[in-house]
Structures are given as structure tokens and as C-alpha cells.
Protein backbone atom coordinates (compact mmCIF):
# COMPACT_ATOMS: atom_id res chain seq x y z
CA MET A 1 10.79 14.07 -29.56
CA LEU A 2 9.31 16.20 -26.73
CA SER A 3 10.62 15.84 -22.88
CA PRO A 4 8.01 15.29 -20.38
CA LEU A 5 7.36 18.66 -18.68
CA LYS A 6 7.95 17.14 -15.21
CA ASN A 7 12.03 16.99 -16.53
CA PHE A 8 11.78 20.78 -17.11
CA LEU A 9 10.47 21.53 -13.62
CA ASN A 10 13.24 18.87 -12.23
CA ILE A 11 15.75 20.80 -13.93
CA ALA A 12 14.24 24.30 -12.97
CA ALA A 13 14.03 23.49 -9.72
CA ASN A 14 17.55 22.43 -9.71
CA LYS A 15 19.12 25.78 -11.16
CA ALA A 16 17.41 27.82 -8.46
CA GLY A 17 18.57 26.50 -5.72
CA ILE A 18 15.35 24.36 -4.27
CA ALA A 19 15.27 20.86 -5.55
CA LYS A 20 15.54 20.15 -1.65
CA GLN A 21 13.22 22.14 -0.92
CA LEU A 22 10.22 20.64 -3.01
CA GLU A 23 11.39 17.43 -1.98
CA ALA A 24 10.74 17.93 1.40
CA ALA A 25 7.16 19.68 1.15
CA ARG A 26 6.86 16.44 -1.30
CA ALA A 27 7.47 14.27 1.13
CA CYS A 28 5.51 16.12 3.87
CA SER A 29 2.71 16.37 1.80
CA LEU A 30 2.11 12.14 1.51
CA TRP A 31 1.81 11.25 5.26
CA GLY A 32 -1.12 12.41 6.05
CA GLU A 33 -2.50 9.80 2.45
CA ILE A 34 0.18 6.88 3.09
CA ILE A 35 -1.13 6.67 6.74
CA GLU A 36 -4.66 7.08 6.18
CA ASN A 37 -3.97 4.26 3.71
CA ILE A 38 -1.98 2.29 6.23
CA PHE A 39 -4.12 2.87 9.48
CA ASN A 40 -7.16 5.54 9.18
CA GLU A 41 -8.45 8.73 8.66
CA ASP A 42 -8.13 9.48 12.96
CA ALA A 43 -5.01 8.02 12.42
CA ALA A 44 -3.90 10.73 9.82
CA LYS A 45 -5.46 13.63 11.80
CA LYS A 46 -3.36 13.01 14.46
CA SER A 47 -0.04 13.05 12.47
CA LYS A 48 1.41 15.72 10.97
CA ALA A 49 5.00 15.21 9.13
CA ILE A 50 6.81 18.47 9.53
CA ARG A 51 9.84 18.36 8.33
CA PHE A 52 12.26 16.07 5.94
CA ARG A 53 16.13 16.29 5.86
CA ASN A 54 18.89 14.54 5.24
CA GLY A 55 16.80 11.71 4.24
CA THR A 56 14.80 11.76 8.52
CA LEU A 57 11.16 12.44 7.91
CA THR A 58 9.83 13.77 11.24
CA VAL A 59 6.38 13.89 12.95
CA ALA A 60 4.47 15.18 15.13
CA VAL A 61 1.71 12.80 16.71
CA LEU A 62 -0.83 13.50 19.40
CA SER A 63 0.54 10.37 21.87
CA SER A 64 3.19 8.01 22.45
CA THR A 65 1.04 5.49 21.64
CA LEU A 66 0.25 6.52 18.32
CA ALA A 67 4.05 7.10 17.60
CA GLN A 68 4.99 2.83 18.24
CA GLU A 69 2.31 2.02 15.94
CA PHE A 70 3.49 3.91 13.98
CA ASN A 71 6.47 2.55 14.55
CA PHE A 72 5.78 -1.08 13.86
CA LYS A 73 5.64 -0.62 10.66
CA GLU A 74 7.94 2.38 9.97
CA GLU A 75 9.34 -0.43 7.32
CA GLU A 76 5.96 -0.52 5.29
CA ILE A 77 5.64 3.56 5.62
CA LYS A 78 9.21 4.31 4.15
CA ASN A 79 8.42 2.06 1.08
CA GLU A 80 5.36 3.94 0.57
CA ILE A 81 6.39 7.78 0.63
CA ASN A 82 9.70 6.35 -1.52
CA LYS A 83 7.14 4.38 -4.23
CA LYS A 84 5.91 7.79 -4.44
CA LEU A 85 8.75 10.58 -4.35
CA GLY A 86 10.91 7.89 -6.75
CA GLY A 87 14.28 6.23 -4.88
CA GLU A 88 15.13 5.62 -1.38
CA ARG A 89 14.97 9.22 -0.02
CA VAL A 90 13.17 8.57 3.46
CA LYS A 91 15.58 6.58 5.33
CA LYS A 92 13.97 6.98 9.10
CA VAL A 93 10.96 8.74 10.24
CA ARG A 94 11.11 10.15 13.01
CA PHE A 95 8.31 10.73 15.80
CA GLU A 96 7.94 13.42 18.17
CA TYR A 97 4.68 13.87 20.77
């Protein structure tokens, strides 16, 4: 029986020691898509995920007002990102402005 290519890629990433970096890059790259779906394209353009470390996704935003709006929807944002990542990877979202 053939295994999915994804399984081999995960094994190779673990062996190479880059699995955490790939997960961080994936979490950050999902930000724009998730925010556009929950809010709108403008909100996505005014924010950018810059780091994912130890379960915390750090996001740069243009204003404290926007950070507050995102804070109100933090649980929904985390759930959507975690759904795409598979598992409960993002535990907290931190906003910098």
C-alpha cells in the first residue's frame, strides 16, 4: 500500500530538523487568508504574522484599534488556523503595533 507524499515530507522534515520552522512558516502564511475570511481584505493587508514560536503567533498590525478587533475574535482566528495546521498548535495570538 502506498503512503501519501505528505507522510514522507513530514518524516524528511523531522530528520532534517526543520519541522518546527516549516510549521512556523505555514502558520504565518495562513494569517492573511484566515483574516480575509473572518474580516475583510483590508484587515488582512493591514496586518502580517511575523513569528510563530512556542504556540504563540505574533502579528504586526498598523493600529491598536485593529489589534483590539482581532483580540475580540482571537478564539475564532486560532480555531481556523489550527484547523488548517491540524491539531492545537496555536495557543495564543499576540499583537504588536
